Amino acid sequence: MSYRKWTSWDFIKWKLPRKLGGNEYHVYDFKNAWVKYNANNIKEIAASEHISTDLLAGVAYIEVGGDPHGIDYVAYGVRSADPIIPSWIDQDSLRHPDKTSFGAVSIQLRVAAETLGGNIDELNSFEKASLILLLKSDYENLKISAKHLYDLLNIDFPYVFNPTCLTDEQIRITGSRYNRGPHLSLEQIKQNTDYGDRILRERPVVRELINHSGCYPAPDYIPTTYYV
């Protein structure tokens, strides 16, 4: 069973001024409840996928809430209808449908397919629909996101002794890659680590929500060259 979805009404309540019945903290009430509800899943999946609980829980905390449930279907439909969109609309401003993010812990359809060992260009409509449905499950969404985080970690830190217990810098960089993508160089990632910084900033709250005490990470492993 999944936690309830973030709806259009939640979005409206979050964005409306207080004098009209809004509450700017409503999104945080939702985030707190969602992460607490999924605490056991987060810890179980982080362990099984060999990735830091702090990292997975932090990404989940940032991603849940925001856009209303169902808006991803609308976005995917609009982007898929690209060829019939009027010529006066800038086609380049419309993202490819396979770059649409799905699930509570938002992850692009293309990225999800690659994370599971597939190629989005080789999937037919039924297979894409099945993947979208999979991402709608909070448990499966978390599992795919955890696998993706492990892949991202290995871009910059391929020799981490224990991926389940990361340093602040490893969390900062890998978390920022979740937001900015695997294609950038480490130097480019370091130019903007706002997303990773937020994971570290929210960590005390998230740890309390999931009842996680943290760990003591080992220093980064630097491979040694031996000469005979």
Protein backbone atom coordinates (compact mmCIF):
# COMPACT_ATOMS: atom_id res chain seq x y z
CA MET A 1 0.00 0.00 0.00
CA SER A 2 1.27 3.48 -0.89
CA TYR A 3 0.82 6.73 0.97
CA ARG A 4 -1.84 9.04 -0.46
CA LYS A 5 -0.93 11.15 -3.49
CA TRP A 6 -0.16 14.86 -3.56
CA THR A 7 -3.21 16.30 -5.31
CA SER A 8 -4.18 19.49 -7.09
CA TRP A 9 -5.98 20.56 -3.91
CA ASP A 10 -2.75 20.09 -1.94
CA PHE A 11 -0.93 22.24 -4.48
CA ILE A 12 -3.59 24.96 -4.26
CA LYS A 13 -3.56 24.91 -0.46
CA TRP A 14 0.23 25.22 -0.53
CA LYS A 15 0.27 28.16 -2.96
CA LEU A 16 -2.75 30.15 -1.80
CA PRO A 17 -2.17 33.12 0.53
CA ARG A 18 -3.08 32.45 4.16
CA LYS A 19 -5.94 34.95 4.04
CA LEU A 20 -7.53 32.75 1.37
CA GLY A 21 -7.04 29.53 3.33
CA GLY A 22 -3.58 28.63 2.08
CA ASN A 23 -0.63 27.31 4.06
CA GLU A 24 2.92 27.67 2.73
CA TYR A 25 4.04 24.87 5.08
CA HIS A 26 1.49 22.37 3.76
CA VAL A 27 4.04 20.80 1.41
CA TYR A 28 6.36 20.12 4.37
CA ASP A 29 3.53 18.50 6.32
CA PHE A 30 3.08 16.19 3.33
CA LYS A 31 6.81 15.49 2.94
CA ASN A 32 7.12 14.65 6.63
CA ALA A 33 4.13 12.30 6.54
CA TRP A 34 5.24 10.58 3.30
CA VAL A 35 8.80 9.95 4.42
CA LYS A 36 7.70 8.76 7.87
CA TYR A 37 5.14 6.39 6.30
CA ASN A 38 7.83 4.97 3.97
CA ALA A 39 10.60 4.86 6.61
CA ASN A 40 10.95 1.08 6.65
CA ASN A 41 10.86 0.87 2.85
CA ILE A 42 13.54 3.55 2.55
CA LYS A 43 15.88 1.77 4.98
CA GLU A 44 15.22 -1.66 3.49
CA ILE A 45 15.75 -0.51 -0.10
CA ALA A 46 18.86 1.52 0.72
CA ALA A 47 20.42 -1.58 2.30
CA SER A 48 19.43 -3.91 -0.53
CA GLU A 49 20.68 -1.53 -3.23
CA HIS A 50 23.89 -0.70 -1.34
CA ILE A 51 23.33 3.03 -1.10
CA SER A 52 23.28 5.49 1.77
CA THR A 53 19.98 5.72 3.68
CA ASP A 54 20.65 9.43 4.24
CA LEU A 55 21.04 9.94 0.49
CA LEU A 56 17.94 8.02 -0.58
CA ALA A 57 15.78 9.51 2.17
CA GLY A 58 17.10 12.99 1.42
CA VAL A 59 16.28 12.74 -2.28
CA ALA A 60 12.82 11.41 -1.44
CA TYR A 61 12.20 14.26 1.00
CA ILE A 62 13.05 16.86 -1.62
CA GLU A 63 11.14 15.23 -4.48
CA VAL A 64 7.78 14.30 -2.91
CA GLY A 65 5.10 16.97 -3.08
CA GLY A 66 5.33 19.85 -5.54
CA ASP A 67 3.57 19.06 -8.80
CA PRO A 68 0.12 17.46 -8.37
CA HIS A 69 -0.35 13.75 -8.96
CA GLY A 70 -1.35 13.20 -12.57
CA ILE A 71 0.40 16.23 -14.04
CA ASP A 72 3.16 13.92 -15.30
CA TYR A 73 0.59 12.07 -17.44
CA VAL A 74 -0.55 15.40 -18.88
CA ALA A 75 3.02 16.47 -19.58
CA TYR A 76 3.82 13.13 -21.21
CA GLY A 77 0.71 13.35 -23.39
CA VAL A 78 1.48 16.90 -24.51
CA ARG A 79 5.08 16.07 -25.29
CA SER A 80 4.08 12.92 -27.15
CA ALA A 81 1.72 15.00 -29.30
CA ASP A 82 4.63 17.13 -30.47
CA PRO A 83 4.04 16.52 -34.21
CA ILE A 84 0.49 17.90 -34.08
CA ILE A 85 1.28 20.96 -32.00
CA PRO A 86 0.66 24.20 -33.98
CA SER A 87 3.66 25.56 -35.82
CA TRP A 88 3.56 28.85 -33.92
CA ILE A 89 4.64 27.02 -30.73
CA ASP A 90 8.38 26.75 -30.30
CA GLN A 91 9.00 23.02 -30.74
CA ASP A 92 12.46 23.26 -29.17
CA SER A 93 10.92 24.51 -25.92
CA LEU A 94 9.04 21.21 -25.49
CA ARG A 95 10.96 18.43 -23.80
CA HIS A 96 11.06 14.94 -25.25
CA PRO A 97 8.29 12.79 -23.74
CA ASP A 98 10.83 10.23 -22.50
CA LYS A 99 12.32 12.96 -20.30
CA THR A 100 9.06 13.24 -18.38
CA SER A 101 9.49 12.46 -14.68
CA PHE A 102 7.12 10.02 -12.97
CA GLY A 103 6.47 8.88 -9.42
CA ALA A 104 6.54 10.44 -5.98
CA VAL A 105 10.35 10.42 -6.07
CA SER A 106 10.52 11.98 -9.51
CA ILE A 107 12.70 10.15 -12.01
CA GLN A 108 12.72 10.51 -15.78
CA LEU A 109 11.25 7.68 -17.82
CA ARG A 110 14.43 7.48 -19.91
CA VAL A 111 16.62 7.33 -16.81
CA ALA A 112 14.44 4.65 -15.21
CA ALA A 113 14.73 2.46 -18.32
CA GLU A 114 18.53 2.84 -18.39
CA THR A 115 18.77 2.14 -14.66
CA LEU A 116 16.93 -1.15 -15.17
CA GLY A 117 19.32 -2.09 -17.97
CA GLY A 118 17.11 -1.16 -20.91
CA ASN A 119 17.09 1.37 -23.72
CA ILE A 120 14.07 3.66 -23.89
CA ASP A 121 14.37 3.87 -27.70
CA GLU A 122 13.88 0.11 -27.96
CA LEU A 123 10.73 -0.02 -25.81
CA ASN A 124 7.31 -0.20 -27.45
CA SER A 125 4.26 1.69 -26.20
CA PHE A 126 3.10 -1.17 -23.98
CA GLU A 127 6.54 -1.51 -22.36
CA LYS A 128 6.73 2.23 -21.72
CA ALA A 129 3.25 2.19 -20.19
CA SER A 130 4.31 -0.72 -17.96
CA LEU A 131 7.37 1.22 -16.80
CA ILE A 132 5.24 4.28 -16.05
CA LEU A 133 2.89 2.11 -14.01
CA LEU A 134 5.87 0.65 -12.14
CA LEU A 135 7.09 4.15 -11.25
CA LYS A 136 3.67 4.97 -9.81
CA SER A 137 4.32 2.43 -7.04
CA ASP A 138 6.10 4.23 -4.20
CA TYR A 139 8.10 1.10 -3.34
CA GLU A 140 9.25 0.44 -6.92
CA ASN A 141 9.87 4.16 -7.44
CA LEU A 142 12.16 4.22 -4.41
CA LYS A 143 13.92 1.06 -5.57
CA ILE A 144 14.66 2.43 -9.05
CA SER A 145 15.77 5.76 -7.57
CA ALA A 146 18.14 3.91 -5.22
CA LYS A 147 19.64 1.95 -8.14
CA HIS A 148 20.10 5.21 -10.05
CA LEU A 149 21.79 6.86 -7.05
CA TYR A 150 24.21 3.93 -6.85
CA ASP A 151 25.06 4.40 -10.55
CA LEU A 152 25.55 8.14 -10.00
CA LEU A 153 27.79 7.57 -6.97
CA ASN A 154 30.11 5.45 -9.09
CA ILE A 155 30.66 8.25 -11.60
CA ASP A 156 32.66 10.35 -9.13
CA PHE A 157 33.44 7.86 -6.35
CA PRO A 158 34.03 4.43 -7.92
CA TYR A 159 36.19 3.17 -5.05
CA VAL A 160 33.92 3.88 -2.08
CA PHE A 161 34.58 1.28 0.60
CA ASN A 162 30.99 1.25 1.88
CA PRO A 163 28.34 2.91 -0.36
CA THR A 164 25.76 2.60 2.44
CA CYS A 165 27.79 5.00 4.60
CA LEU A 166 28.89 8.09 2.69
CA THR A 167 30.77 11.25 3.59
CA ASP A 168 29.05 14.63 3.35
CA GLU A 169 30.91 15.41 0.14
CA GLN A 170 29.84 12.14 -1.47
CA ILE A 171 26.22 12.87 -0.55
CA ARG A 172 26.49 16.46 -1.77
CA ILE A 173 27.92 15.52 -5.18
CA THR A 174 25.79 12.41 -5.81
CA GLY A 175 22.62 14.16 -4.67
CA SER A 176 23.38 17.07 -6.99
CA ARG A 177 23.85 14.63 -9.86
CA TYR A 178 20.37 13.22 -9.22
CA ASN A 179 19.07 16.70 -9.96
CA ARG A 180 21.49 17.77 -12.68
CA GLY A 181 22.35 14.52 -14.50
CA PRO A 182 25.25 12.14 -15.15
CA HIS A 183 26.56 13.94 -18.24
CA LEU A 184 28.25 16.84 -16.42
CA SER A 185 31.86 16.74 -15.28
CA LEU A 186 32.66 16.79 -11.57
CA GLU A 187 33.89 20.36 -11.97
CA GLN A 188 30.57 21.40 -13.48
CA ILE A 189 28.63 19.66 -10.71
CA LYS A 190 30.67 21.50 -8.08
CA GLN A 191 29.63 24.83 -9.58
CA ASN A 192 26.08 24.23 -8.32
CA THR A 193 25.50 21.79 -5.46
CA ASP A 194 22.33 23.43 -4.12
CA TYR A 195 20.39 20.15 -4.31
CA GLY A 196 23.05 18.17 -2.46
CA ASP A 197 23.46 20.96 0.08
CA ARG A 198 19.74 20.80 0.78
CA ILE A 199 19.96 17.05 1.45
CA LEU A 200 22.59 17.74 4.11
CA ARG A 201 20.62 20.66 5.52
CA GLU A 202 17.43 18.60 5.86
CA ARG A 203 19.25 15.50 7.14
CA PRO A 204 18.52 15.99 10.87
CA VAL A 205 14.78 16.24 10.16
CA VAL A 206 14.81 13.27 7.79
CA ARG A 207 16.79 11.09 10.20
CA GLU A 208 14.24 11.76 12.92
CA LEU A 209 11.36 10.94 10.55
CA ILE A 210 12.78 7.54 9.62
CA ASN A 211 14.43 6.82 12.98
CA HIS A 212 17.91 6.59 11.49
CA SER A 213 20.97 7.37 13.58
CA GLY A 214 23.43 7.72 10.72
CA CYS A 215 26.87 6.12 10.42
CA TYR A 216 30.59 6.83 10.50
CA PRO A 217 31.90 6.83 6.94
CA ALA A 218 35.39 5.74 6.06
CA PRO A 219 37.66 8.17 4.17
CA ASP A 220 37.52 8.06 0.38
CA TYR A 221 39.53 5.15 -0.94
CA ILE A 222 42.30 6.18 -3.30
CA PRO A 223 43.68 3.25 -5.32
CA THR A 224 47.42 2.72 -5.01
CA THR A 225 49.66 1.89 -7.95
CA TYR A 226 52.17 -0.83 -7.14
CA TYR A 227 55.38 -1.18 -9.03
CA VAL A 228 57.18 -4.51 -9.22
